[in-house]
Amino acid sequence: MAKPHSRNLLAHLACALLIALPLTAGAAGLKVGDPAADFTLKSRNGEPVSMAGLKGQVVLINFWASWCGPCRQEFPLLDTIHKKYKKLGFTVIGLNVEPDSKDAEAFLKQNPVSFPIVYDPNDDLSKRYGIGGMPSVALVDRKGIVRWMHKSYNAGDENEYMDQVRSLLAEK
């Protein structure tokens, strides 16, 4: 019989496979140059957040899950970028893809951020974007067009995020 921590690890691995397999099995999703998928999702504080409500801003959508190790590294860096460029018309949306928000809430207690967190318990939006792994980023310009996508996170990737954000903020 598996030990409790082994069962937890197996549950997280199963969840990761459930998220990744359908997306990598031929789902193309949105591409750079496509209009961003519109959405209205419930935020952590219960308020709806929509892509339409963010029109005119540069938006970085960060697809994440509590079981994702690189997400723990990336979150504080995304928060720094959000704070730095918020006054210039930029926002980060943290989009959690887990079916139950309990683990996400525990993650957020350990990794607090100032940017909005939304929940997509059915994983609909990440499927529309063709996201196949966590974390992933979609960067949307002021006109609502997907301009850049990035999968995974490695130390130093935040520099590319900032370069992309600055470039889009400079556009009128």
Protein backbone atom coordinates (compact mmCIF):
# COMPACT_ATOMS: atom_id res chain seq x y z
CA MET A 1 0.00 0.00 0.00
CA ALA A 2 1.30 3.46 -0.92
CA LYS A 3 2.23 5.89 1.81
CA PRO A 4 0.09 9.09 2.08
CA HIS A 5 2.79 11.31 0.56
CA SER A 6 3.21 8.82 -2.31
CA ARG A 7 -0.53 8.93 -3.02
CA ASN A 8 -0.36 12.75 -3.04
CA LEU A 9 2.52 12.68 -5.52
CA LEU A 10 0.65 10.19 -7.69
CA ALA A 11 -2.44 12.41 -7.60
CA HIS A 12 -0.39 15.41 -8.72
CA LEU A 13 1.22 13.42 -11.53
CA ALA A 14 -2.17 12.14 -12.67
CA CYS A 15 -3.50 15.70 -12.65
CA ALA A 16 -0.54 16.87 -14.72
CA LEU A 17 -1.16 14.14 -17.26
CA LEU A 18 -4.87 14.92 -17.43
CA ILE A 19 -4.02 18.52 -18.18
CA ALA A 20 -1.21 17.87 -20.64
CA LEU A 21 -2.31 14.83 -22.65
CA PRO A 22 -5.42 16.22 -24.34
CA LEU A 23 -3.54 19.39 -25.22
CA THR A 24 -0.55 17.70 -26.77
CA ALA A 25 -2.61 15.16 -28.69
CA GLY A 26 -3.28 17.43 -31.63
CA ALA A 27 -5.03 20.44 -30.08
CA ALA A 28 -3.59 23.38 -31.96
CA GLY A 29 -5.04 26.22 -29.92
CA LEU A 30 -4.45 29.89 -30.53
CA LYS A 31 -1.31 31.09 -32.25
CA VAL A 32 0.62 34.33 -32.22
CA GLY A 33 -1.35 36.80 -34.33
CA ASP A 34 -4.76 35.36 -33.38
CA PRO A 35 -7.29 37.38 -31.39
CA ALA A 36 -7.07 36.47 -27.71
CA ALA A 37 -9.77 34.13 -26.47
CA ASP A 38 -12.39 36.12 -24.61
CA PHE A 39 -13.28 34.91 -21.15
CA THR A 40 -15.03 35.87 -17.99
CA LEU A 41 -13.78 33.94 -14.99
CA LYS A 42 -14.35 34.25 -11.28
CA SER A 43 -11.44 35.85 -9.45
CA ARG A 44 -10.06 34.91 -6.09
CA ASN A 45 -12.11 37.65 -4.43
CA GLY A 46 -15.27 36.53 -6.25
CA GLU A 47 -15.31 39.32 -8.82
CA PRO A 48 -15.52 38.47 -12.53
CA VAL A 49 -12.44 39.19 -14.65
CA SER A 50 -12.84 39.34 -18.41
CA MET A 51 -10.53 39.80 -21.35
CA ALA A 52 -12.99 42.34 -22.76
CA GLY A 53 -12.66 44.35 -19.53
CA LEU A 54 -8.89 44.50 -20.04
CA LYS A 55 -9.02 45.80 -23.61
CA GLY A 56 -6.58 48.66 -24.06
CA GLN A 57 -4.08 47.06 -21.67
CA VAL A 58 -1.17 44.75 -22.33
CA VAL A 59 -2.09 41.49 -20.57
CA LEU A 60 0.16 38.62 -19.58
CA ILE A 61 -1.92 35.51 -18.89
CA ASN A 62 0.02 33.08 -16.74
CA PHE A 63 -1.35 29.53 -16.75
CA TRP A 64 -0.31 27.83 -13.50
CA ALA A 65 -1.05 25.05 -11.03
CA SER A 66 -0.14 24.55 -7.37
CA TRP A 67 1.78 21.34 -8.07
CA CYS A 68 4.08 23.12 -10.56
CA GLY A 69 7.59 23.66 -9.18
CA PRO A 70 8.63 26.27 -11.78
CA CYS A 71 5.44 28.22 -10.96
CA ARG A 72 6.82 28.76 -7.44
CA GLN A 73 9.97 30.31 -8.93
CA GLU A 74 8.10 32.37 -11.50
CA PHE A 75 5.33 33.85 -9.32
CA PRO A 76 7.38 36.43 -7.39
CA LEU A 77 9.04 37.54 -10.63
CA LEU A 78 5.68 37.98 -12.34
CA ASP A 79 4.51 40.02 -9.36
CA THR A 80 7.55 42.29 -9.70
CA ILE A 81 6.84 42.80 -13.42
CA HIS A 82 3.16 43.46 -12.69
CA LYS A 83 3.99 46.11 -10.07
CA LYS A 84 6.65 47.72 -12.26
CA TYR A 85 4.47 48.20 -15.36
CA LYS A 86 0.93 48.36 -13.93
CA LYS A 87 0.75 52.17 -14.12
CA LEU A 88 1.67 51.99 -17.82
CA GLY A 89 -1.36 49.88 -18.74
CA PHE A 90 -0.09 46.37 -18.04
CA THR A 91 -1.54 43.57 -15.97
CA VAL A 92 -0.76 39.96 -15.17
CA ILE A 93 -3.64 37.53 -14.82
CA GLY A 94 -2.76 34.35 -12.92
CA LEU A 95 -5.02 31.66 -14.38
CA ASN A 96 -5.21 28.56 -12.21
CA VAL A 97 -6.20 25.40 -14.09
CA GLU A 98 -6.96 23.04 -11.22
CA PRO A 99 -10.43 21.55 -10.74
CA ASP A 100 -10.43 22.44 -7.03
CA SER A 101 -9.11 25.78 -5.76
CA LYS A 102 -8.10 24.49 -2.30
CA ASP A 103 -4.56 23.61 -3.36
CA ALA A 104 -4.28 26.89 -5.26
CA GLU A 105 -5.31 28.83 -2.15
CA ALA A 106 -2.64 27.06 -0.09
CA PHE A 107 -0.08 27.87 -2.82
CA LEU A 108 -1.13 31.54 -2.79
CA LYS A 109 -0.73 31.76 1.00
CA GLN A 110 2.90 30.71 0.51
CA ASN A 111 3.34 32.77 -2.67
CA PRO A 112 1.24 35.94 -2.32
CA VAL A 113 0.91 38.19 -5.36
CA SER A 114 -0.72 41.53 -6.13
CA PHE A 115 -2.03 40.59 -9.58
CA PRO A 116 -5.50 39.12 -10.11
CA ILE A 117 -5.92 35.36 -9.80
CA VAL A 118 -8.74 33.66 -11.70
CA TYR A 119 -9.92 30.06 -11.62
CA ASP A 120 -10.64 27.90 -14.67
CA PRO A 121 -11.70 24.64 -12.97
CA ASN A 122 -12.73 23.00 -16.24
CA ASP A 123 -9.47 24.01 -17.92
CA ASP A 124 -11.44 25.50 -20.82
CA LEU A 125 -9.24 28.53 -21.46
CA SER A 126 -5.94 26.66 -21.47
CA LYS A 127 -7.46 24.24 -24.00
CA ARG A 128 -8.49 27.18 -26.20
CA TYR A 129 -4.92 28.51 -26.00
CA GLY A 130 -3.43 25.06 -26.63
CA ILE A 131 -1.45 25.13 -23.39
CA GLY A 132 0.33 21.82 -22.87
CA GLY A 133 2.35 22.40 -19.72
CA MET A 134 2.69 24.56 -16.66
CA PRO A 135 3.64 27.30 -16.39
CA SER A 136 2.82 28.88 -19.72
CA VAL A 137 2.40 32.50 -20.73
CA ALA A 138 0.32 34.24 -23.38
CA LEU A 139 1.01 37.93 -23.92
CA VAL A 140 -1.83 39.98 -25.43
CA ASP A 141 -1.44 43.48 -26.89
CA ARG A 142 -3.70 46.49 -26.31
CA LYS A 143 -5.85 45.52 -29.31
CA GLY A 144 -6.51 42.03 -27.96
CA ILE A 145 -4.12 40.13 -30.24
CA VAL A 146 -1.89 37.30 -28.94
CA ARG A 147 1.61 38.57 -29.61
CA TRP A 148 3.85 36.12 -27.78
CA MET A 149 3.60 32.73 -26.11
CA HIS A 150 6.07 30.96 -23.88
CA LYS A 151 6.03 27.49 -22.34
CA SER A 152 7.74 26.43 -19.12
CA TYR A 153 9.96 28.62 -16.99
CA ASN A 154 13.71 28.68 -16.48
CA ALA A 155 15.68 31.21 -14.47
CA GLY A 156 16.24 34.27 -16.62
CA ASP A 157 13.07 33.89 -18.71
CA GLU A 158 11.64 36.90 -16.87
CA ASN A 159 14.09 39.09 -18.83
CA GLU A 160 12.41 38.00 -22.07
CA TYR A 161 9.00 38.63 -20.45
CA MET A 162 10.04 42.19 -19.61
CA ASP A 163 11.47 42.79 -23.10
CA GLN A 164 8.21 41.63 -24.66
CA VAL A 165 6.08 43.69 -22.24
CA ARG A 166 8.15 46.86 -22.80
CA SER A 167 7.91 46.42 -26.55
CA LEU A 168 4.11 46.13 -26.44
CA LEU A 169 3.74 49.01 -23.98
CA ALA A 170 5.70 51.22 -26.40
CA GLU A 171 3.16 50.55 -29.16
CA LYS A 172 0.26 52.96 -29.41
